[in-house]
Amino acid sequence: MESRHLPPSGCGSYAPFIWLRLTTTFAVLLLVGCDRFYGVESRATLPAPVDVRCVNAALSGVEGVGSVQYWRTENRSTEILPRQRNSLIVAHAWLYGESGADVLEIMQGPDGWFFRNSRSRMGVAVPHDTMARFVPLMQKVNYALEMRCGLPVADLKAELVEMTKSR
């Protein structure tokens, strides 16, 4: 009698199934251990490269932004699927607003440029009064970025965030 779940006999024929079972178990454990993020954000895929100096100037010029902290990180990796390629992801992030709790992120990757302007917290919902104060500031920042830097983000809507992140 032959099992439908096991491969035919042969040297090393069980290795792919063991590997699949181990990686599936690891993925489930990883997801179970992740905290949820709650908050509000606006996000978009950008059609063209971004001038980071322009973003710095535009963000600093918006009333209510307060002090601005900027950082840049790079991540080099090799992607295997859907096709093998070396990739470089450059992340630009600015902290601003109340106690530096608001985050403007622009990611540059092999598939384009991505924009996110958010106020979120891990594991605890952001109070409604905090979101109500942040949304107008987020909209002013997005408007300034469009007017000064040409980023098409002024008309983005605020979206509630309630998702699991493992980054």
C-alpha atoms as a PDB file:
ATOM      1  CA  MET A   1       0.000   0.000   0.000  1.00  0.00           C
ATOM      2  CA  GLU A   2       1.413   3.358  -0.996  1.00  0.00           C
ATOM      3  CA  SER A   3       0.804   6.579   0.932  1.00  0.00           C
ATOM      4  CA  ARG A   4      -0.277   9.651  -1.035  1.00  0.00           C
ATOM      5  CA  HIS A   5       1.581  11.959   1.367  1.00  0.00           C
ATOM      6  CA  LEU A   6       5.007  10.376   1.092  1.00  0.00           C
ATOM      7  CA  PRO A   7       7.288  10.319  -1.924  1.00  0.00           C
ATOM      8  CA  PRO A   8       8.310   7.069  -3.570  1.00  0.00           C
ATOM      9  CA  SER A   9      11.207   5.212  -1.974  1.00  0.00           C
ATOM     10  CA  GLY A  10      14.712   6.298  -2.790  1.00  0.00           C
ATOM     11  CA  CYS A  11      17.781   7.898  -1.354  1.00  0.00           C
ATOM     12  CA  GLY A  12      17.029  11.401  -0.070  1.00  0.00           C
ATOM     13  CA  SER A  13      13.469  11.400  -1.354  1.00  0.00           C
ATOM     14  CA  TYR A  14      12.073  12.529   2.013  1.00  0.00           C
ATOM     15  CA  ALA A  15      14.328  15.582   2.318  1.00  0.00           C
ATOM     16  CA  PRO A  16      12.042  18.018   0.425  1.00  0.00           C
ATOM     17  CA  PHE A  17       9.055  16.963   2.526  1.00  0.00           C
ATOM     18  CA  ILE A  18      10.954  17.314   5.787  1.00  0.00           C
ATOM     19  CA  TRP A  19      12.210  20.737   4.683  1.00  0.00           C
ATOM     20  CA  LEU A  20       8.685  21.834   3.749  1.00  0.00           C
ATOM     21  CA  ARG A  21       7.319  20.648   7.081  1.00  0.00           C
ATOM     22  CA  LEU A  22      10.074  22.440   9.044  1.00  0.00           C
ATOM     23  CA  THR A  23       9.695  25.732   7.164  1.00  0.00           C
ATOM     24  CA  THR A  24       5.904  25.637   7.490  1.00  0.00           C
ATOM     25  CA  THR A  25       6.178  25.027  11.237  1.00  0.00           C
ATOM     26  CA  PHE A  26       8.697  27.874  11.584  1.00  0.00           C
ATOM     27  CA  ALA A  27       6.459  30.263   9.608  1.00  0.00           C
ATOM     28  CA  VAL A  28       3.439  29.444  11.781  1.00  0.00           C
ATOM     29  CA  LEU A  29       5.432  29.973  14.985  1.00  0.00           C
ATOM     30  CA  LEU A  30       6.785  33.256  13.653  1.00  0.00           C
ATOM     31  CA  LEU A  31       3.320  34.554  12.782  1.00  0.00           C
ATOM     32  CA  VAL A  32       1.858  33.519  16.117  1.00  0.00           C
ATOM     33  CA  GLY A  33       4.580  35.488  17.910  1.00  0.00           C
ATOM     34  CA  CYS A  34       4.090  38.731  15.972  1.00  0.00           C
ATOM     35  CA  ASP A  35       2.303  41.675  17.505  1.00  0.00           C
ATOM     36  CA  ARG A  36      -0.250  43.639  15.557  1.00  0.00           C
ATOM     37  CA  PHE A  37       0.277  47.227  14.454  1.00  0.00           C
ATOM     38  CA  TYR A  38      -2.595  49.677  14.960  1.00  0.00           C
ATOM     39  CA  GLY A  39      -2.942  53.237  13.736  1.00  0.00           C
ATOM     40  CA  VAL A  40      -3.526  55.280  10.610  1.00  0.00           C
ATOM     41  CA  GLU A  41      -1.521  55.745   7.412  1.00  0.00           C
ATOM     42  CA  SER A  42      -1.481  56.933   3.836  1.00  0.00           C
ATOM     43  CA  ARG A  43       0.524  54.986   1.278  1.00  0.00           C
ATOM     44  CA  ALA A  44       1.281  54.918  -2.428  1.00  0.00           C
ATOM     45  CA  THR A  45       3.553  53.570  -5.110  1.00  0.00           C
ATOM     46  CA  LEU A  46       5.518  56.464  -6.576  1.00  0.00           C
ATOM     47  CA  PRO A  47       6.001  56.779 -10.342  1.00  0.00           C
ATOM     48  CA  ALA A  48       9.519  58.237 -10.287  1.00  0.00           C
ATOM     49  CA  PRO A  49      12.631  58.598  -8.124  1.00  0.00           C
ATOM     50  CA  VAL A  50      12.451  60.891  -5.109  1.00  0.00           C
ATOM     51  CA  ASP A  51      14.779  63.785  -4.248  1.00  0.00           C
ATOM     52  CA  VAL A  52      15.470  63.145  -0.557  1.00  0.00           C
ATOM     53  CA  ARG A  53      16.830  66.678  -0.028  1.00  0.00           C
ATOM     54  CA  CYS A  54      13.540  68.088  -1.294  1.00  0.00           C
ATOM     55  CA  VAL A  55      11.602  65.847   1.122  1.00  0.00           C
ATOM     56  CA  ASN A  56      13.817  67.036   3.996  1.00  0.00           C
ATOM     57  CA  ALA A  57      13.126  70.679   3.127  1.00  0.00           C
ATOM     58  CA  ALA A  58       9.401  70.188   2.540  1.00  0.00           C
ATOM     59  CA  LEU A  59       8.860  68.224   5.751  1.00  0.00           C
ATOM     60  CA  SER A  60      10.819  70.703   7.859  1.00  0.00           C
ATOM     61  CA  GLY A  61       8.764  73.575   6.447  1.00  0.00           C
ATOM     62  CA  VAL A  62       5.370  72.234   7.549  1.00  0.00           C
ATOM     63  CA  GLU A  63       3.896  73.905  10.633  1.00  0.00           C
ATOM     64  CA  GLY A  64       3.309  71.450  13.471  1.00  0.00           C
ATOM     65  CA  VAL A  65       5.948  68.950  12.366  1.00  0.00           C
ATOM     66  CA  GLY A  66       8.353  69.854  15.166  1.00  0.00           C
ATOM     67  CA  SER A  67      11.831  68.382  15.104  1.00  0.00           C
ATOM     68  CA  VAL A  68      12.624  66.007  12.265  1.00  0.00           C
ATOM     69  CA  GLN A  69      14.992  63.061  12.496  1.00  0.00           C
ATOM     70  CA  TYR A  70      16.145  61.337   9.292  1.00  0.00           C
ATOM     71  CA  TRP A  71      17.862  58.032   8.733  1.00  0.00           C
ATOM     72  CA  ARG A  72      18.760  55.900   5.742  1.00  0.00           C
ATOM     73  CA  THR A  73      19.368  52.157   5.642  1.00  0.00           C
ATOM     74  CA  GLU A  74      20.339  49.713   2.913  1.00  0.00           C
ATOM     75  CA  ASN A  75      19.547  46.033   2.626  1.00  0.00           C
ATOM     76  CA  ARG A  76      21.207  43.871  -0.013  1.00  0.00           C
ATOM     77  CA  SER A  77      19.807  40.426  -0.682  1.00  0.00           C
ATOM     78  CA  THR A  78      19.355  37.793  -3.328  1.00  0.00           C
ATOM     79  CA  GLU A  79      15.806  37.013  -4.330  1.00  0.00           C
ATOM     80  CA  ILE A  80      15.116  33.553  -5.669  1.00  0.00           C
ATOM     81  CA  LEU A  81      11.468  33.763  -6.709  1.00  0.00           C
ATOM     82  CA  PRO A  82       9.923  34.628  -9.130  1.00  0.00           C
ATOM     83  CA  ARG A  83      13.379  34.882 -10.685  1.00  0.00           C
ATOM     84  CA  GLN A  84      16.836  35.056  -9.187  1.00  0.00           C
ATOM     85  CA  ARG A  85      18.207  38.572  -8.831  1.00  0.00           C
ATOM     86  CA  ASN A  86      20.325  40.615  -6.485  1.00  0.00           C
ATOM     87  CA  SER A  87      18.309  43.372  -4.914  1.00  0.00           C
ATOM     88  CA  LEU A  88      19.089  46.532  -3.040  1.00  0.00           C
ATOM     89  CA  ILE A  89      16.424  48.171  -0.912  1.00  0.00           C
ATOM     90  CA  VAL A  90      17.147  51.666   0.358  1.00  0.00           C
ATOM     91  CA  ALA A  91      14.858  52.908   3.117  1.00  0.00           C
ATOM     92  CA  HIS A  92      14.549  56.616   3.881  1.00  0.00           C
ATOM     93  CA  ALA A  93      12.675  57.402   7.087  1.00  0.00           C
ATOM     94  CA  TRP A  94      11.807  60.613   8.879  1.00  0.00           C
ATOM     95  CA  LEU A  95      10.427  60.804  12.431  1.00  0.00           C
ATOM     96  CA  TYR A  96       8.366  63.899  13.181  1.00  0.00           C
ATOM     97  CA  GLY A  97       5.334  65.185  15.081  1.00  0.00           C
ATOM     98  CA  GLU A  98       4.362  64.570  18.706  1.00  0.00           C
ATOM     99  CA  SER A  99       7.437  63.065  20.379  1.00  0.00           C
ATOM    100  CA  GLY A 100       8.707  61.822  17.010  1.00  0.00           C
ATOM    101  CA  ALA A 101       5.873  59.293  16.845  1.00  0.00           C
ATOM    102  CA  ASP A 102       4.922  60.004  13.210  1.00  0.00           C
ATOM    103  CA  VAL A 103       6.876  58.225  10.478  1.00  0.00           C
ATOM    104  CA  LEU A 104       7.351  59.165   6.847  1.00  0.00           C
ATOM    105  CA  GLU A 105       8.965  56.323   4.889  1.00  0.00           C
ATOM    106  CA  ILE A 106      10.110  56.217   1.290  1.00  0.00           C
ATOM    107  CA  MET A 107      11.447  52.852   0.147  1.00  0.00           C
ATOM    108  CA  GLN A 108      13.483  52.429  -3.016  1.00  0.00           C
ATOM    109  CA  GLY A 109      13.614  48.853  -4.270  1.00  0.00           C
ATOM    110  CA  PRO A 110      14.073  46.900  -7.466  1.00  0.00           C
ATOM    111  CA  ASP A 111      10.347  47.187  -8.184  1.00  0.00           C
ATOM    112  CA  GLY A 112      10.041  50.944  -7.661  1.00  0.00           C
ATOM    113  CA  TRP A 113       9.531  53.605  -5.010  1.00  0.00           C
ATOM    114  CA  PHE A 114       7.004  53.252  -2.185  1.00  0.00           C
ATOM    115  CA  PHE A 115       5.606  55.957   0.125  1.00  0.00           C
ATOM    116  CA  ARG A 116       4.074  55.622   3.591  1.00  0.00           C
ATOM    117  CA  ASN A 117       3.150  58.335   6.095  1.00  0.00           C
ATOM    118  CA  SER A 118       1.878  56.900   9.374  1.00  0.00           C
ATOM    119  CA  ARG A 119       1.228  56.981  13.084  1.00  0.00           C
ATOM    120  CA  SER A 120       1.067  53.461  14.476  1.00  0.00           C
ATOM    121  CA  ARG A 121       1.926  51.442  17.569  1.00  0.00           C
ATOM    122  CA  MET A 122       2.648  47.790  18.101  1.00  0.00           C
ATOM    123  CA  GLY A 123       0.303  45.793  20.272  1.00  0.00           C
ATOM    124  CA  VAL A 124      -1.825  48.742  21.461  1.00  0.00           C
ATOM    125  CA  ALA A 125      -4.421  50.728  19.579  1.00  0.00           C
ATOM    126  CA  VAL A 126      -3.598  54.385  18.940  1.00  0.00           C
ATOM    127  CA  PRO A 127      -6.215  56.467  20.808  1.00  0.00           C
ATOM    128  CA  HIS A 128      -8.834  58.114  18.594  1.00  0.00           C
ATOM    129  CA  ASP A 129      -7.975  61.611  19.823  1.00  0.00           C
ATOM    130  CA  THR A 130      -4.321  61.031  18.852  1.00  0.00           C
ATOM    131  CA  MET A 131      -5.344  59.862  15.372  1.00  0.00           C
ATOM    132  CA  ALA A 132      -7.682  62.852  15.073  1.00  0.00           C
ATOM    133  CA  ARG A 133      -4.722  65.183  15.739  1.00  0.00           C
ATOM    134  CA  PHE A 134      -2.385  63.286  13.413  1.00  0.00           C
ATOM    135  CA  VAL A 135      -4.567  63.021  10.290  1.00  0.00           C
ATOM    136  CA  PRO A 136      -4.645  66.797   9.554  1.00  0.00           C
ATOM    137  CA  LEU A 137      -0.859  66.965  10.061  1.00  0.00           C
ATOM    138  CA  MET A 138      -0.369  63.955   7.778  1.00  0.00           C
ATOM    139  CA  GLN A 139      -2.482  65.649   5.120  1.00  0.00           C
ATOM    140  CA  LYS A 140      -0.457  68.898   5.435  1.00  0.00           C
ATOM    141  CA  VAL A 141       2.782  66.931   5.072  1.00  0.00           C
ATOM    142  CA  ASN A 142       1.471  65.047   2.031  1.00  0.00           C
ATOM    143  CA  TYR A 143       0.290  68.309   0.453  1.00  0.00           C
ATOM    144  CA  ALA A 144       3.685  69.973   1.027  1.00  0.00           C
ATOM    145  CA  LEU A 145       5.471  66.988  -0.522  1.00  0.00           C
ATOM    146  CA  GLU A 146       3.336  67.259  -3.629  1.00  0.00           C
ATOM    147  CA  MET A 147       3.662  71.040  -3.946  1.00  0.00           C
ATOM    148  CA  ARG A 148       7.420  71.226  -3.297  1.00  0.00           C
ATOM    149  CA  CYS A 149       8.701  67.882  -4.584  1.00  0.00           C
ATOM    150  CA  GLY A 150       6.097  66.737  -7.088  1.00  0.00           C
ATOM    151  CA  LEU A 151       5.210  63.533  -5.244  1.00  0.00           C
ATOM    152  CA  PRO A 152       1.593  62.582  -6.094  1.00  0.00           C
ATOM    153  CA  VAL A 153       0.498  62.129  -2.464  1.00  0.00           C
ATOM    154  CA  ALA A 154      -1.653  65.168  -1.592  1.00  0.00           C
ATOM    155  CA  ASP A 155      -4.945  63.398  -2.231  1.00  0.00           C
ATOM    156  CA  LEU A 156      -4.150  60.161  -0.402  1.00  0.00           C
ATOM    157  CA  LYS A 157      -6.783  59.091   2.085  1.00  0.00           C
ATOM    158  CA  ALA A 158      -6.013  58.138   5.663  1.00  0.00           C
ATOM    159  CA  GLU A 159      -6.456  54.388   6.144  1.00  0.00           C
ATOM    160  CA  LEU A 160      -6.767  52.516   9.423  1.00  0.00           C
ATOM    161  CA  VAL A 161      -3.910  50.128  10.135  1.00  0.00           C
ATOM    162  CA  GLU A 162      -4.593  46.834  11.845  1.00  0.00           C
ATOM    163  CA  MET A 163      -2.130  44.290  10.585  1.00  0.00           C
ATOM    164  CA  THR A 164       0.561  41.925  11.707  1.00  0.00           C
ATOM    165  CA  LYS A 165       4.135  42.865  10.920  1.00  0.00           C
ATOM    166  CA  SER A 166       7.175  40.745  11.474  1.00  0.00           C
ATOM    167  CA  ARG A 167       9.814  43.269  10.401  1.00  0.00           C
END
